[in-house]
PDB file of N, CA and C in Angstrom:
ATOM      1  N   GLU A   1      62.363 163.932  99.631  1.00  0.00           N
ATOM      2  CA  GLU A   1      63.124 164.804 100.013  1.00  0.00           C
ATOM      3  C   GLU A   1      63.456 164.427 101.072  1.00  0.00           C
ATOM      4  N   HIS A   2      62.951 163.909 102.343  1.00  0.00           N
ATOM      5  CA  HIS A   2      63.076 163.514 103.375  1.00  0.00           C
ATOM      6  C   HIS A   2      63.873 161.628 103.160  1.00  0.00           C
ATOM      7  N   LEU A   3      62.995 161.041 102.976  1.00  0.00           N
ATOM      8  CA  LEU A   3      63.547 160.224 102.245  1.00  0.00           C
ATOM      9  C   LEU A   3      64.911 159.515 101.507  1.00  0.00           C
ATOM     10  N   ASN A   4      65.438 160.663 100.708  1.00  0.00           N
ATOM     11  CA  ASN A   4      66.391 160.819  99.890  1.00  0.00           C
ATOM     12  C   ASN A   4      67.527 160.714 100.628  1.00  0.00           C
ATOM     13  N   ALA A   5      67.012 161.935 101.962  1.00  0.00           N
ATOM     14  CA  ALA A   5      68.132 162.123 102.903  1.00  0.00           C
ATOM     15  C   ALA A   5      68.726 159.853 103.926  1.00  0.00           C
ATOM     16  N   GLN A   6      67.414 159.623 104.014  1.00  0.00           N
ATOM     17  CA  GLN A   6      67.730 158.573 104.830  1.00  0.00           C
ATOM     18  C   GLN A   6      68.565 157.926 103.769  1.00  0.00           C
ATOM     19  N   PHE A   7      68.397 157.398 102.635  1.00  0.00           N
ATOM     20  CA  PHE A   7      68.814 156.252 101.575  1.00  0.00           C
ATOM     21  C   PHE A   7      70.728 157.209 101.992  1.00  0.00           C
ATOM     22  N   GLY A   8      70.643 158.320 101.924  1.00  0.00           N
ATOM     23  CA  GLY A   8      72.079 159.133 101.792  1.00  0.00           C
ATOM     24  C   GLY A   8      72.926 158.752 103.179  1.00  0.00           C
ATOM     25  N   ALA A   9      71.789 158.431 104.089  1.00  0.00           N
ATOM     26  CA  ALA A   9      72.545 157.954 105.595  1.00  0.00           C
ATOM     27  C   ALA A   9      72.836 156.529 105.721  1.00  0.00           C
ATOM     28  N   VAL A  10      72.114 155.880 105.179  1.00  0.00           N
ATOM     29  CA  VAL A  10      72.098 154.699 105.211  1.00  0.00           C
ATOM     30  C   VAL A  10      73.618 154.029 104.435  1.00  0.00           C
ATOM     31  N   ARG A  11      73.533 155.019 103.005  1.00  0.00           N
ATOM     32  CA  ARG A  11      74.904 155.031 102.126  1.00  0.00           C
ATOM     33  C   ARG A  11      76.047 155.306 102.962  1.00  0.00           C
ATOM     34  N   PHE A  12      76.351 156.194 103.977  1.00  0.00           N
ATOM     35  CA  PHE A  12      77.448 156.560 104.585  1.00  0.00           C
ATOM     36  C   PHE A  12      77.639 155.450 105.753  1.00  0.00           C
ATOM     37  N   VAL A  13      76.568 154.856 105.706  1.00  0.00           N
ATOM     38  CA  VAL A  13      76.907 154.286 107.209  1.00  0.00           C
ATOM     39  C   VAL A  13      77.215 153.341 106.612  1.00  0.00           C
ATOM     40  N   TYR A  14      76.689 152.479 105.753  1.00  0.00           N
ATOM     41  CA  TYR A  14      77.564 151.339 104.684  1.00  0.00           C
ATOM     42  C   TYR A  14      78.677 151.163 104.568  1.00  0.00           C
ATOM     43  N   SER A  15      79.558 152.429 103.712  1.00  0.00           N
ATOM     44  CA  SER A  15      80.478 152.661 103.095  1.00  0.00           C
ATOM     45  C   SER A  15      81.829 153.556 104.688  1.00  0.00           C
ATOM     46  N   LYS A  16      80.951 153.764 105.213  1.00  0.00           N
ATOM     47  CA  LYS A  16      82.114 153.543 106.342  1.00  0.00           C
ATOM     48  C   LYS A  16      82.130 153.060 107.623  1.00  0.00           C
ATOM     49  N   SER A  17      81.139 151.752 107.151  1.00  0.00           N
ATOM     50  CA  SER A  17      81.702 150.444 108.212  1.00  0.00           C
ATOM     51  C   SER A  17      83.085 149.547 107.434  1.00  0.00           C
ATOM     52  N   LEU A  18      82.343 149.561 106.009  1.00  0.00           N
ATOM     53  CA  LEU A  18      83.072 148.769 105.241  1.00  0.00           C
ATOM     54  C   LEU A  18      84.627 149.576 105.276  1.00  0.00           C
ATOM     55  N   HIS A  19      84.650 150.630 105.169  1.00  0.00           N
ATOM     56  CA  HIS A  19      85.866 151.178 105.589  1.00  0.00           C
ATOM     57  C   HIS A  19      86.721 150.811 106.981  1.00  0.00           C
ATOM     58  N   ILE A  20      85.996 150.650 107.933  1.00  0.00           N
ATOM     59  CA  ILE A  20      86.395 150.056 109.113  1.00  0.00           C
ATOM     60  C   ILE A  20      86.954 148.677 109.340  1.00  0.00           C
ATOM     61  N   LYS A  21      86.015 147.871 108.265  1.00  0.00           N
ATOM     62  CA  LYS A  21      86.334 146.438 108.119  1.00  0.00           C
ATOM     63  C   LYS A  21      87.407 146.111 107.238  1.00  0.00           C
ATOM     64  N   LYS A  22      87.582 146.995 106.337  1.00  0.00           N
ATOM     65  CA  LYS A  22      88.671 146.754 105.864  1.00  0.00           C
ATOM     66  C   LYS A  22      89.810 147.297 106.409  1.00  0.00           C
ATOM     67  N   HIS A  23      90.098 148.626 107.009  1.00  0.00           N
ATOM     68  CA  HIS A  23      90.528 149.091 107.985  1.00  0.00           C
ATOM     69  C   HIS A  23      91.258 147.709 109.267  1.00  0.00           C
ATOM     70  N   ALA A  24      90.361 147.704 109.847  1.00  0.00           N
ATOM     71  CA  ALA A  24      90.907 146.389 110.632  1.00  0.00           C
ATOM     72  C   ALA A  24      91.665 145.010 110.310  1.00  0.00           C
ATOM     73  N   TYR A  25      90.850 144.683 109.398  1.00  0.00           N
ATOM     74  CA  TYR A  25      91.675 143.394 108.572  1.00  0.00           C
ATOM     75  C   TYR A  25      93.231 143.976 108.114  1.00  0.00           C
ATOM     76  N   GLN A  26      93.472 144.883 107.254  1.00  0.00           N
ATOM     77  CA  GLN A  26      94.977 145.029 107.041  1.00  0.00           C
ATOM     78  C   GLN A  26      95.340 145.373 107.809  1.00  0.00           C
ATOM     79  N   ARG A  27      95.008 146.511 108.588  1.00  0.00           N
ATOM     80  CA  ARG A  27      95.841 146.791 109.963  1.00  0.00           C
ATOM     81  C   ARG A  27      96.523 146.033 111.126  1.00  0.00           C
ATOM     82  N   HIS A  28      95.461 145.198 111.341  1.00  0.00           N
ATOM     83  CA  HIS A  28      95.059 143.657 112.146  1.00  0.00           C
ATOM     84  C   HIS A  28      94.674 142.414 111.892  1.00  0.00           C
ATOM     85  N   GLY A  29      95.142 142.706 110.977  1.00  0.00           N
ATOM     86  CA  GLY A  29      93.982 141.143 111.368  1.00  0.00           C
ATOM     87  C   GLY A  29      93.014 140.721 111.368  1.00  0.00           C
ATOM     88  N   VAL A  30      92.018 141.471 111.855  1.00  0.00           N
ATOM     89  CA  VAL A  30      90.930 140.852 112.377  1.00  0.00           C
ATOM     90  C   VAL A  30      89.989 141.283 111.621  1.00  0.00           C
ATOM     91  N   SER A  31      88.962 139.841 111.306  1.00  0.00           N
ATOM     92  CA  SER A  31      88.141 140.197 110.869  1.00  0.00           C
ATOM     93  C   SER A  31      86.659 140.426 111.537  1.00  0.00           C
ATOM     94  N   LEU A  32      86.721 141.638 111.903  1.00  0.00           N
ATOM     95  CA  LEU A  32      85.076 141.723 112.456  1.00  0.00           C
ATOM     96  C   LEU A  32      83.557 141.625 111.848  1.00  0.00           C
ATOM     97  N   THR A  33      82.909 140.849 112.319  1.00  0.00           N
ATOM     98  CA  THR A  33      81.632 140.642 112.013  1.00  0.00           C
ATOM     99  C   THR A  33      80.384 140.357 113.001  1.00  0.00           C
ATOM    100  N   PRO A  34      79.451 140.901 112.772  1.00  0.00           N
ATOM    101  CA  PRO A  34      78.143 141.106 113.202  1.00  0.00           C
ATOM    102  C   PRO A  34      77.269 139.975 113.976  1.00  0.00           C
ATOM    103  N   ARG A  35      78.388 138.954 113.858  1.00  0.00           N
ATOM    104  CA  ARG A  35      77.979 137.152 114.309  1.00  0.00           C
ATOM    105  C   ARG A  35      78.873 137.294 115.353  1.00  0.00           C
ATOM    106  N   LYS A  36      79.893 137.499 114.937  1.00  0.00           N
ATOM    107  CA  LYS A  36      80.828 137.167 116.349  1.00  0.00           C
ATOM    108  C   LYS A  36      81.491 138.460 117.324  1.00  0.00           C
ATOM    109  N   ASP A  37      80.676 139.579 116.528  1.00  0.00           N
ATOM    110  CA  ASP A  37      81.132 140.896 117.278  1.00  0.00           C
ATOM    111  C   ASP A  37      79.977 142.007 116.927  1.00  0.00           C
ATOM    112  N   ILE A  38      78.635 141.269 117.816  1.00  0.00           N
ATOM    113  CA  ILE A  38      77.800 142.324 116.949  1.00  0.00           C
ATOM    114  C   ILE A  38      77.677 143.405 117.709  1.00  0.00           C
ATOM    115  N   LYS A  39      78.523 143.299 118.950  1.00  0.00           N
ATOM    116  CA  LYS A  39      77.725 144.773 120.013  1.00  0.00           C
ATOM    117  C   LYS A  39      79.082 145.984 119.089  1.00  0.00           C
ATOM    118  N   PRO A  40      80.246 145.264 118.784  1.00  0.00           N
ATOM    119  CA  PRO A  40      80.842 146.986 118.083  1.00  0.00           C
ATOM    120  C   PRO A  40      80.522 147.125 117.315  1.00  0.00           C
ATOM    121  N   LEU A  41      79.916 145.974 116.381  1.00  0.00           N
ATOM    122  CA  LEU A  41      79.813 146.567 115.118  1.00  0.00           C
ATOM    123  C   LEU A  41      78.390 146.888 114.532  1.00  0.00           C
ATOM    124  N   LEU A  42      77.218 146.391 115.718  1.00  0.00           N
ATOM    125  CA  LEU A  42      75.739 147.014 115.607  1.00  0.00           C
ATOM    126  C   LEU A  42      76.467 148.877 116.005  1.00  0.00           C
ATOM    127  N   ALA A  43      76.930 148.929 116.784  1.00  0.00           N
ATOM    128  CA  ALA A  43      77.113 150.118 117.729  1.00  0.00           C
ATOM    129  C   ALA A  43      78.023 151.149 116.861  1.00  0.00           C
ATOM    130  N   VAL A  44      78.235 151.013 116.153  1.00  0.00           N
ATOM    131  CA  VAL A  44      79.474 151.851 115.288  1.00  0.00           C
ATOM    132  C   VAL A  44      78.273 153.072 114.814  1.00  0.00           C
ATOM    133  N   ALA A  45      77.057 152.233 114.562  1.00  0.00           N
ATOM    134  CA  ALA A  45      76.075 153.199 113.478  1.00  0.00           C
ATOM    135  C   ALA A  45      75.807 154.221 114.497  1.00  0.00           C
ATOM    136  N   LYS A  46      75.618 153.781 116.133  1.00  0.00           N
ATOM    137  CA  LYS A  46      75.253 154.327 117.007  1.00  0.00           C
ATOM    138  C   LYS A  46      76.384 155.583 117.507  1.00  0.00           C
ATOM    139  N   LYS A  47      77.767 154.722 117.398  1.00  0.00           N
ATOM    140  CA  LYS A  47      78.685 156.163 117.590  1.00  0.00           C
ATOM    141  C   LYS A  47      78.995 157.135 117.080  1.00  0.00           C
ATOM    142  N   PHE A  48      77.891 156.857 115.619  1.00  0.00           N
ATOM    143  CA  PHE A  48      78.817 157.782 114.379  1.00  0.00           C
ATOM    144  C   PHE A  48      77.985 159.060 114.537  1.00  0.00           C
ATOM    145  N   ARG A  49      76.517 158.525 115.621  1.00  0.00           N
ATOM    146  CA  ARG A  49      75.584 159.825 115.648  1.00  0.00           C
ATOM    147  C   ARG A  49      75.891 160.775 116.971  1.00  0.00           C
ATOM    148  N   LYS A  50      77.083 160.077 117.727  1.00  0.00           N
ATOM    149  CA  LYS A  50      77.556 161.002 118.866  1.00  0.00           C
ATOM    150  C   LYS A  50      78.877 161.697 118.425  1.00  0.00           C
ATOM    151  N   PHE A  51      79.438 161.649 117.431  1.00  0.00           N
ATOM    152  CA  PHE A  51      80.357 162.223 117.793  1.00  0.00           C
ATOM    153  C   PHE A  51      79.561 163.195 116.373  1.00  0.00           C
ATOM    154  N   ARG A  52      80.366 164.810 116.888  1.00  0.00           N
ATOM    155  CA  ARG A  52      79.978 166.542 116.292  1.00  0.00           C
ATOM    156  C   ARG A  52      80.023 166.229 115.269  1.00  0.00           C
ATOM    157  N   LYS A  53      80.800 164.919 114.560  1.00  0.00           N
ATOM    158  CA  LYS A  53      81.201 165.745 112.636  1.00  0.00           C
ATOM    159  C   LYS A  53      80.023 164.716 111.922  1.00  0.00           C
ATOM    160  N   TYR A  54      79.068 163.731 113.120  1.00  0.00           N
ATOM    161  CA  TYR A  54      78.089 163.101 112.437  1.00  0.00           C
ATOM    162  C   TYR A  54      77.228 162.970 112.885  1.00  0.00           C
ATOM    163  N   ALA A  55      76.873 164.245 113.809  1.00  0.00           N
ATOM    164  CA  ALA A  55      75.386 164.911 114.605  1.00  0.00           C
ATOM    165  C   ALA A  55      74.916 164.622 113.827  1.00  0.00           C
ATOM    166  N   TRP A  56      74.397 164.890 112.216  1.00  0.00           N
ATOM    167  CA  TRP A  56      73.467 164.439 111.172  1.00  0.00           C
ATOM    168  C   TRP A  56      72.430 163.656 111.108  1.00  0.00           C
ATOM    169  N   LEU A  57      73.206 162.467 111.282  1.00  0.00           N
ATOM    170  CA  LEU A  57      72.831 160.867 111.309  1.00  0.00           C
ATOM    171  C   LEU A  57      71.911 160.910 112.357  1.00  0.00           C
ATOM    172  N   LYS A  58      71.886 161.397 113.610  1.00  0.00           N
ATOM    173  CA  LYS A  58      70.776 161.417 114.687  1.00  0.00           C
ATOM    174  C   LYS A  58      69.415 161.443 114.231  1.00  0.00           C
ATOM    175  N   GLU A  59      69.128 162.023 112.961  1.00  0.00           N
ATOM    176  CA  GLU A  59      67.714 163.212 112.122  1.00  0.00           C
ATOM    177  C   GLU A  59      67.259 161.672 111.480  1.00  0.00           C
ATOM    178  N   TYR A  60      67.905 160.703 111.205  1.00  0.00           N
ATOM    179  CA  TYR A  60      68.080 159.828 110.823  1.00  0.00           C
ATOM    180  C   TYR A  60      67.269 158.065 111.687  1.00  0.00           C
ATOM    181  N   ASP A  61      66.821 157.601 110.584  1.00  0.00           N
ATOM    182  CA  ASP A  61      65.891 156.364 112.103  1.00  0.00           C
ATOM    183  C   ASP A  61      66.948 154.978 112.124  1.00  0.00           C
ATOM    184  N   SER A  62      67.953 154.878 113.117  1.00  0.00           N
ATOM    185  CA  SER A  62      69.114 154.617 113.565  1.00  0.00           C
ATOM    186  C   SER A  62      68.577 152.684 113.260  1.00  0.00           C
ATOM    187  N   ILE A  63      67.579 152.266 113.105  1.00  0.00           N
ATOM    188  CA  ILE A  63      67.512 151.093 113.204  1.00  0.00           C
ATOM    189  C   ILE A  63      67.910 150.627 110.902  1.00  0.00           C
ATOM    190  N   ALA A  64      67.325 151.352 110.727  1.00  0.00           N
ATOM    191  CA  ALA A  64      67.708 151.798 109.173  1.00  0.00           C
ATOM    192  C   ALA A  64      68.921 151.952 109.024  1.00  0.00           C
ATOM    193  N   LEU A  65      69.755 152.429 110.072  1.00  0.00           N
ATOM    194  CA  LEU A  65      71.508 152.312 109.769  1.00  0.00           C
ATOM    195  C   LEU A  65      72.320 151.336 110.647  1.00  0.00           C
ATOM    196  N   GLN A  66      71.469 150.640 112.107  1.00  0.00           N
ATOM    197  CA  GLN A  66      72.002 149.278 112.521  1.00  0.00           C
ATOM    198  C   GLN A  66      71.756 148.371 110.967  1.00  0.00           C
ATOM    199  N   GLN A  67      70.876 148.402 110.328  1.00  0.00           N
ATOM    200  CA  GLN A  67      70.216 147.571 108.736  1.00  0.00           C
ATOM    201  C   GLN A  67      71.655 147.479 107.885  1.00  0.00           C
ATOM    202  N   ALA A  68      72.032 149.181 107.775  1.00  0.00           N
ATOM    203  CA  ALA A  68      72.831 148.657 106.594  1.00  0.00           C
ATOM    204  C   ALA A  68      74.413 148.170 107.016  1.00  0.00           C
ATOM    205  N   VAL A  69      74.764 148.269 108.364  1.00  0.00           N
ATOM    206  CA  VAL A  69      75.894 147.309 108.829  1.00  0.00           C
ATOM    207  C   VAL A  69      75.347 146.223 108.735  1.00  0.00           C
ATOM    208  N   ILE A  70      74.817 145.376 109.121  1.00  0.00           N
ATOM    209  CA  ILE A  70      74.050 144.037 109.247  1.00  0.00           C
ATOM    210  C   ILE A  70      74.121 143.734 107.578  1.00  0.00           C
ATOM    211  N   ASN A  71      73.880 144.691 106.762  1.00  0.00           N
ATOM    212  CA  ASN A  71      73.509 144.120 105.381  1.00  0.00           C
ATOM    213  C   ASN A  71      75.050 144.228 104.829  1.00  0.00           C
ATOM    214  N   LEU A  72      75.778 144.593 105.269  1.00  0.00           N
ATOM    215  CA  LEU A  72      77.617 144.346 104.513  1.00  0.00           C
ATOM    216  C   LEU A  72      78.135 143.390 105.452  1.00  0.00           C
ATOM    217  N   ASP A  73      77.506 143.058 106.185  1.00  0.00           N
ATOM    218  CA  ASP A  73      78.138 141.151 106.689  1.00  0.00           C
ATOM    219  C   ASP A  73      77.645 140.504 105.760  1.00  0.00           C
ATOM    220  N   VAL A  74      76.296 140.798 105.366  1.00  0.00           N
ATOM    221  CA  VAL A  74      75.952 139.707 104.481  1.00  0.00           C
ATOM    222  C   VAL A  74      76.406 139.688 103.296  1.00  0.00           C
ATOM    223  N   ALA A  75      76.828 140.974 102.815  1.00  0.00           N
ATOM    224  CA  ALA A  75      77.773 141.205 101.457  1.00  0.00           C
ATOM    225  C   ALA A  75      79.412 140.358 101.844  1.00  0.00           C
ATOM    226  N   PHE A  76      79.960 140.569 102.954  1.00  0.00           N
ATOM    227  CA  PHE A  76      80.692 139.823 102.787  1.00  0.00           C
ATOM    228  C   PHE A  76      80.945 138.517 102.883  1.00  0.00           C
ATOM    229  N   SER A  77      79.560 138.273 103.567  1.00  0.00           N
ATOM    230  CA  SER A  77      79.170 136.217 103.902  1.00  0.00           C
ATOM    231  C   SER A  77      79.545 135.571 102.527  1.00  0.00           C
ATOM    232  N   ASN A  78      78.226 136.870 101.423  1.00  0.00           N
ATOM    233  CA  ASN A  78      78.370 136.085  99.773  1.00  0.00           C
ATOM    234  C   ASN A  78      79.339 136.350  99.263  1.00  0.00           C
ATOM    235  N   CYS A  79      80.397 137.025  99.439  1.00  0.00           N
ATOM    236  CA  CYS A  79      81.489 137.001  98.985  1.00  0.00           C
ATOM    237  C   CYS A  79      82.665 136.055  99.346  1.00  0.00           C
ATOM    238  N   PHE A  80      82.942 135.605 100.525  1.00  0.00           N
ATOM    239  CA  PHE A  80      83.188 134.458 100.261  1.00  0.00           C
ATOM    240  C   PHE A  80      82.656 133.018 100.353  1.00  0.00           C
ATOM    241  N   ASN A  81      81.240 133.133 100.196  1.00  0.00           N
ATOM    242  CA  ASN A  81      80.620 131.735  99.553  1.00  0.00           C
ATOM    243  C   ASN A  81      81.154 131.243  97.939  1.00  0.00           C
ATOM    244  N   PRO A  82      82.020 130.277  98.365  1.00  0.00           N
ATOM    245  CA  PRO A  82      82.311 129.653  97.244  1.00  0.00           C
ATOM    246  C   PRO A  82      80.891 129.328  96.330  1.00  0.00           C
ATOM    247  N   LYS A  83      79.745 129.013  97.147  1.00  0.00           N
ATOM    248  CA  LYS A  83      78.603 128.579  95.907  1.00  0.00           C
ATOM    249  C   LYS A  83      77.967 129.860  94.829  1.00  0.00           C
ATOM    250  N   LEU A  84      78.283 130.662  96.015  1.00  0.00           N
ATOM    251  CA  LEU A  84      77.707 132.857  94.985  1.00  0.00           C
ATOM    252  C   LEU A  84      78.702 132.899  94.292  1.00  0.00           C
ATOM    253  N   LYS A  85      78.039 133.513  93.238  1.00  0.00           N
ATOM    254  CA  LYS A  85      79.451 134.278  92.671  1.00  0.00           C
ATOM    255  C   LYS A  85      79.622 135.997  92.630  1.00  0.00           C
ATOM    256  N   ALA A  86      79.479 136.464  93.938  1.00  0.00           N
ATOM    257  CA  ALA A  86      79.309 137.315  94.348  1.00  0.00           C
ATOM    258  C   ALA A  86      80.994 138.194  94.506  1.00  0.00           C
ATOM    259  N   ARG A  87      81.113 139.703  94.691  1.00  0.00           N
ATOM    260  CA  ARG A  87      81.786 140.170  94.042  1.00  0.00           C
ATOM    261  C   ARG A  87      82.337 140.623  95.772  1.00  0.00           C
ATOM    262  N   PHE A  88      83.743 141.259  96.036  1.00  0.00           N
ATOM    263  CA  PHE A  88      84.059 141.539  96.864  1.00  0.00           C
ATOM    264  C   PHE A  88      82.630 143.436  96.953  1.00  0.00           C
ATOM    265  N   PRO A  89      82.204 142.885  98.301  1.00  0.00           N
ATOM    266  CA  PRO A  89      81.590 145.025  98.780  1.00  0.00           C
ATOM    267  C   PRO A  89      82.320 145.802  98.162  1.00  0.00           C
ATOM    268  N   MET A  90      81.773 146.789  98.055  1.00  0.00           N
ATOM    269  CA  MET A  90      82.168 147.622  97.036  1.00  0.00           C
ATOM    270  C   MET A  90      81.560 149.198  97.914  1.00  0.00           C
ATOM    271  N   PHE A  91      82.341 150.376  97.982  1.00  0.00           N
ATOM    272  CA  PHE A  91      81.680 151.443  98.404  1.00  0.00           C
ATOM    273  C   PHE A  91      80.801 152.298  97.910  1.00  0.00           C
ATOM    274  N   LYS A  92      79.599 152.845  98.713  1.00  0.00           N
ATOM    275  CA  LYS A  92      78.223 153.384  97.729  1.00  0.00           C
ATOM    276  C   LYS A  92      78.528 154.509  97.733  1.00  0.00           C
ATOM    277  N   ARG A  93      77.968 155.238  96.829  1.00  0.00           N
ATOM    278  CA  ARG A  93      76.892 155.976  96.420  1.00  0.00           C
ATOM    279  C   ARG A  93      75.974 156.649  95.730  1.00  0.00           C
ATOM    280  N   LYS A  94      75.653 157.578  95.399  1.00  0.00           N
ATOM    281  CA  LYS A  94      74.270 157.507  95.332  1.00  0.00           C
ATOM    282  C   LYS A  94      73.840 157.254  93.840  1.00  0.00           C
ATOM    283  N   HIS A  95      74.246 157.432  92.988  1.00  0.00           N
ATOM    284  CA  HIS A  95      74.720 157.139  91.853  1.00  0.00           C
ATOM    285  C   HIS A  95      75.439 156.224  91.836  1.00  0.00           C
ATOM    286  N   GLY A  96      75.432 154.898  91.567  1.00  0.00           N
ATOM    287  CA  GLY A  96      76.032 153.803  91.158  1.00  0.00           C
ATOM    288  C   GLY A  96      76.975 153.892  92.346  1.00  0.00           C
ATOM    289  N   LYS A  97      78.337 152.919  91.824  1.00  0.00           N
ATOM    290  CA  LYS A  97      79.216 152.364  92.848  1.00  0.00           C
ATOM    291  C   LYS A  97      80.691 152.551  93.145  1.00  0.00           C
ATOM    292  N   LEU A  98      81.007 152.999  94.135  1.00  0.00           N
ATOM    293  CA  LEU A  98      82.784 153.796  94.281  1.00  0.00           C
ATOM    294  C   LEU A  98      83.419 152.271  94.084  1.00  0.00           C
ATOM    295  N   LEU A  99      84.888 151.817  93.338  1.00  0.00           N
ATOM    296  CA  LEU A  99      85.423 151.575  93.452  1.00  0.00           C
ATOM    297  C   LEU A  99      85.822 150.880  94.761  1.00  0.00           C
ATOM    298  N   GLY A 100      86.338 149.616  95.248  1.00  0.00           N
ATOM    299  CA  GLY A 100      86.079 149.053  96.795  1.00  0.00           C
ATOM    300  C   GLY A 100      88.105 148.856  96.771  1.00  0.00           C
TER     301      GLY A 100
END
């Protein structure tokens, strides 16, 4: 039960981070990456936990939530690597993927 909830929290942070990255690029033309902007992006998971709306994330492992942000960056790197045939990162949901 708790493990399923942990996976749900990780999915939420991954999808929310993808939304933030897409929004930053579409609105401001800025590409956020952990290698370039490591502190703000990794802090995304921590900031979520401070907002009342996202207080439920405090129950889950912060390292797993931060790893979700790093995994998203790897997905973007793979997407733009011409040697790999990776597609653009997509929003996650419990059963399958949502369209990005």
